[in-house]
Amino acid sequence: MERESLHAEIAALNQRMANIELLLQQSLTNQENWLSVKDAAQVMGVSETTMRRYAREGVVIAKRPSGKATGDHRILKSSLITTQKKKRPGRKPGRVTLI
């Protein structure tokens, strides 16, 4: 009986993960969820150069238009809010603007 219960829980968790993956994929393909480097830098209160560095280092979730190796990054809005919370104490926080 316990084994059947575990299998049912695993199946439910797998379904939840599939739903989350679908929502994430939809979010990543929706252009309204992405900001230019300039706009993202303004939201975070950092320079455009810093925002590009954040993108290269993986501090924020970024992509390049059409997957090209050149061109400016697009920054996922939700990664800015997550990054904002990680700022070190004592540093002047950037402004978070809900868009």
C-alpha atoms as a PDB file:
ATOM      1  CA  MET A   1       0.000   0.000   0.000  1.00  0.00           C
ATOM      2  CA  GLU A   2       2.800   2.410   0.891  1.00  0.00           C
ATOM      3  CA  ARG A   3       4.546   1.748  -2.439  1.00  0.00           C
ATOM      4  CA  GLU A   4       1.371   2.595  -4.382  1.00  0.00           C
ATOM      5  CA  SER A   5       1.051   5.825  -2.416  1.00  0.00           C
ATOM      6  CA  LEU A   6       4.639   6.779  -3.257  1.00  0.00           C
ATOM      7  CA  HIS A   7       4.075   6.027  -6.933  1.00  0.00           C
ATOM      8  CA  ALA A   8       0.979   8.227  -6.914  1.00  0.00           C
ATOM      9  CA  GLU A   9       2.903  11.067  -5.247  1.00  0.00           C
ATOM     10  CA  ILE A  10       5.733  10.750  -7.761  1.00  0.00           C
ATOM     11  CA  ALA A  11       3.265  10.827 -10.641  1.00  0.00           C
ATOM     12  CA  ALA A  12       1.611  13.948  -9.204  1.00  0.00           C
ATOM     13  CA  LEU A  13       4.997  15.653  -8.748  1.00  0.00           C
ATOM     14  CA  ASN A  14       6.013  14.769 -12.310  1.00  0.00           C
ATOM     15  CA  GLN A  15       2.799  16.344 -13.596  1.00  0.00           C
ATOM     16  CA  ARG A  16       3.400  19.496 -11.551  1.00  0.00           C
ATOM     17  CA  MET A  17       6.946  19.723 -12.916  1.00  0.00           C
ATOM     18  CA  ALA A  18       5.658  19.347 -16.476  1.00  0.00           C
ATOM     19  CA  ASN A  19       3.151  22.163 -15.862  1.00  0.00           C
ATOM     20  CA  ILE A  20       5.871  24.406 -14.411  1.00  0.00           C
ATOM     21  CA  GLU A  21       8.156  23.695 -17.371  1.00  0.00           C
ATOM     22  CA  LEU A  22       5.337  24.616 -19.763  1.00  0.00           C
ATOM     23  CA  LEU A  23       4.679  27.893 -17.930  1.00  0.00           C
ATOM     24  CA  LEU A  24       8.391  28.704 -17.900  1.00  0.00           C
ATOM     25  CA  GLN A  25       8.700  28.019 -21.615  1.00  0.00           C
ATOM     26  CA  GLN A  26       5.709  30.277 -22.332  1.00  0.00           C
ATOM     27  CA  SER A  27       7.255  32.994 -20.168  1.00  0.00           C
ATOM     28  CA  LEU A  28      10.597  32.739 -21.946  1.00  0.00           C
ATOM     29  CA  THR A  29       9.012  33.064 -25.384  1.00  0.00           C
ATOM     30  CA  ASN A  30       6.736  35.999 -24.499  1.00  0.00           C
ATOM     31  CA  GLN A  31       8.559  39.148 -25.659  1.00  0.00           C
ATOM     32  CA  GLU A  32       6.782  41.271 -23.031  1.00  0.00           C
ATOM     33  CA  ASN A  33       8.784  39.471 -20.323  1.00  0.00           C
ATOM     34  CA  TRP A  34      12.133  40.707 -21.674  1.00  0.00           C
ATOM     35  CA  LEU A  35      13.843  44.092 -21.319  1.00  0.00           C
ATOM     36  CA  SER A  36      16.610  45.780 -23.244  1.00  0.00           C
ATOM     37  CA  VAL A  37      19.954  46.158 -21.478  1.00  0.00           C
ATOM     38  CA  LYS A  38      19.283  49.885 -21.106  1.00  0.00           C
ATOM     39  CA  ASP A  39      15.867  49.387 -19.493  1.00  0.00           C
ATOM     40  CA  ALA A  40      17.093  46.566 -17.243  1.00  0.00           C
ATOM     41  CA  ALA A  41      20.044  48.700 -16.101  1.00  0.00           C
ATOM     42  CA  GLN A  42      17.672  51.547 -15.212  1.00  0.00           C
ATOM     43  CA  VAL A  43      15.451  49.215 -13.190  1.00  0.00           C
ATOM     44  CA  MET A  44      18.440  47.857 -11.266  1.00  0.00           C
ATOM     45  CA  GLY A  45      20.143  51.222 -10.867  1.00  0.00           C
ATOM     46  CA  VAL A  46      23.370  50.042 -12.542  1.00  0.00           C
ATOM     47  CA  SER A  47      25.198  50.980 -15.736  1.00  0.00           C
ATOM     48  CA  GLU A  48      24.551  49.253 -19.053  1.00  0.00           C
ATOM     49  CA  THR A  49      28.091  47.858 -18.903  1.00  0.00           C
ATOM     50  CA  THR A  50      27.358  46.287 -15.515  1.00  0.00           C
ATOM     51  CA  MET A  51      24.108  44.826 -16.825  1.00  0.00           C
ATOM     52  CA  ARG A  52      25.947  43.261 -19.786  1.00  0.00           C
ATOM     53  CA  ARG A  53      28.474  41.802 -17.346  1.00  0.00           C
ATOM     54  CA  TYR A  54      25.621  40.428 -15.227  1.00  0.00           C
ATOM     55  CA  ALA A  55      24.254  38.787 -18.391  1.00  0.00           C
ATOM     56  CA  ARG A  56      27.643  37.255 -19.307  1.00  0.00           C
ATOM     57  CA  GLU A  57      28.234  36.006 -15.752  1.00  0.00           C
ATOM     58  CA  GLY A  58      24.738  34.557 -15.368  1.00  0.00           C
ATOM     59  CA  VAL A  59      23.706  36.941 -12.595  1.00  0.00           C
ATOM     60  CA  VAL A  60      20.549  37.675 -14.613  1.00  0.00           C
ATOM     61  CA  ILE A  61      18.800  35.485 -17.160  1.00  0.00           C
ATOM     62  CA  ALA A  62      19.617  36.835 -20.589  1.00  0.00           C
ATOM     63  CA  LYS A  63      19.372  35.886 -24.235  1.00  0.00           C
ATOM     64  CA  ARG A  64      20.457  37.394 -27.492  1.00  0.00           C
ATOM     65  CA  PRO A  65      17.872  38.164 -30.182  1.00  0.00           C
ATOM     66  CA  SER A  66      17.241  35.134 -32.399  1.00  0.00           C
ATOM     67  CA  GLY A  67      20.011  33.261 -30.574  1.00  0.00           C
ATOM     68  CA  LYS A  68      22.706  35.161 -32.469  1.00  0.00           C
ATOM     69  CA  ALA A  69      26.210  35.377 -31.049  1.00  0.00           C
ATOM     70  CA  THR A  70      26.285  39.128 -31.637  1.00  0.00           C
ATOM     71  CA  GLY A  71      23.878  41.885 -30.706  1.00  0.00           C
ATOM     72  CA  ASP A  72      22.710  43.120 -27.369  1.00  0.00           C
ATOM     73  CA  HIS A  73      21.194  40.934 -24.697  1.00  0.00           C
ATOM     74  CA  ARG A  74      17.546  40.871 -23.669  1.00  0.00           C
ATOM     75  CA  ILE A  75      17.098  40.466 -19.912  1.00  0.00           C
ATOM     76  CA  LEU A  76      14.274  38.469 -18.307  1.00  0.00           C
ATOM     77  CA  LYS A  77      12.313  40.835 -16.028  1.00  0.00           C
ATOM     78  CA  SER A  78      11.781  38.308 -13.246  1.00  0.00           C
ATOM     79  CA  SER A  79      15.526  37.721 -12.952  1.00  0.00           C
ATOM     80  CA  LEU A  80      15.979  41.408 -12.094  1.00  0.00           C
ATOM     81  CA  ILE A  81      13.714  41.171  -9.071  1.00  0.00           C
ATOM     82  CA  THR A  82      15.524  38.025  -7.881  1.00  0.00           C
ATOM     83  CA  THR A  83      18.894  39.705  -8.337  1.00  0.00           C
ATOM     84  CA  GLN A  84      17.664  42.838  -6.552  1.00  0.00           C
ATOM     85  CA  LYS A  85      17.001  40.813  -3.412  1.00  0.00           C
ATOM     86  CA  LYS A  86      20.580  39.476  -3.430  1.00  0.00           C
ATOM     87  CA  LYS A  87      22.250  42.887  -3.129  1.00  0.00           C
ATOM     88  CA  ARG A  88      24.682  43.161  -0.257  1.00  0.00           C
ATOM     89  CA  PRO A  89      23.633  45.084   2.857  1.00  0.00           C
ATOM     90  CA  GLY A  90      25.080  48.557   3.106  1.00  0.00           C
ATOM     91  CA  ARG A  91      25.001  49.171  -0.632  1.00  0.00           C
ATOM     92  CA  LYS A  92      22.563  51.622  -2.118  1.00  0.00           C
ATOM     93  CA  PRO A  93      19.768  49.485  -3.597  1.00  0.00           C
ATOM     94  CA  GLY A  94      18.633  50.011  -7.156  1.00  0.00           C
ATOM     95  CA  ARG A  95      15.071  50.987  -7.778  1.00  0.00           C
ATOM     96  CA  VAL A  96      12.672  48.150  -8.576  1.00  0.00           C
ATOM     97  CA  THR A  97       9.921  49.273 -10.872  1.00  0.00           C
ATOM     98  CA  LEU A  98       6.959  47.006 -11.466  1.00  0.00           C
ATOM     99  CA  ILE A  99       6.271  46.927 -15.168  1.00  0.00           C
END
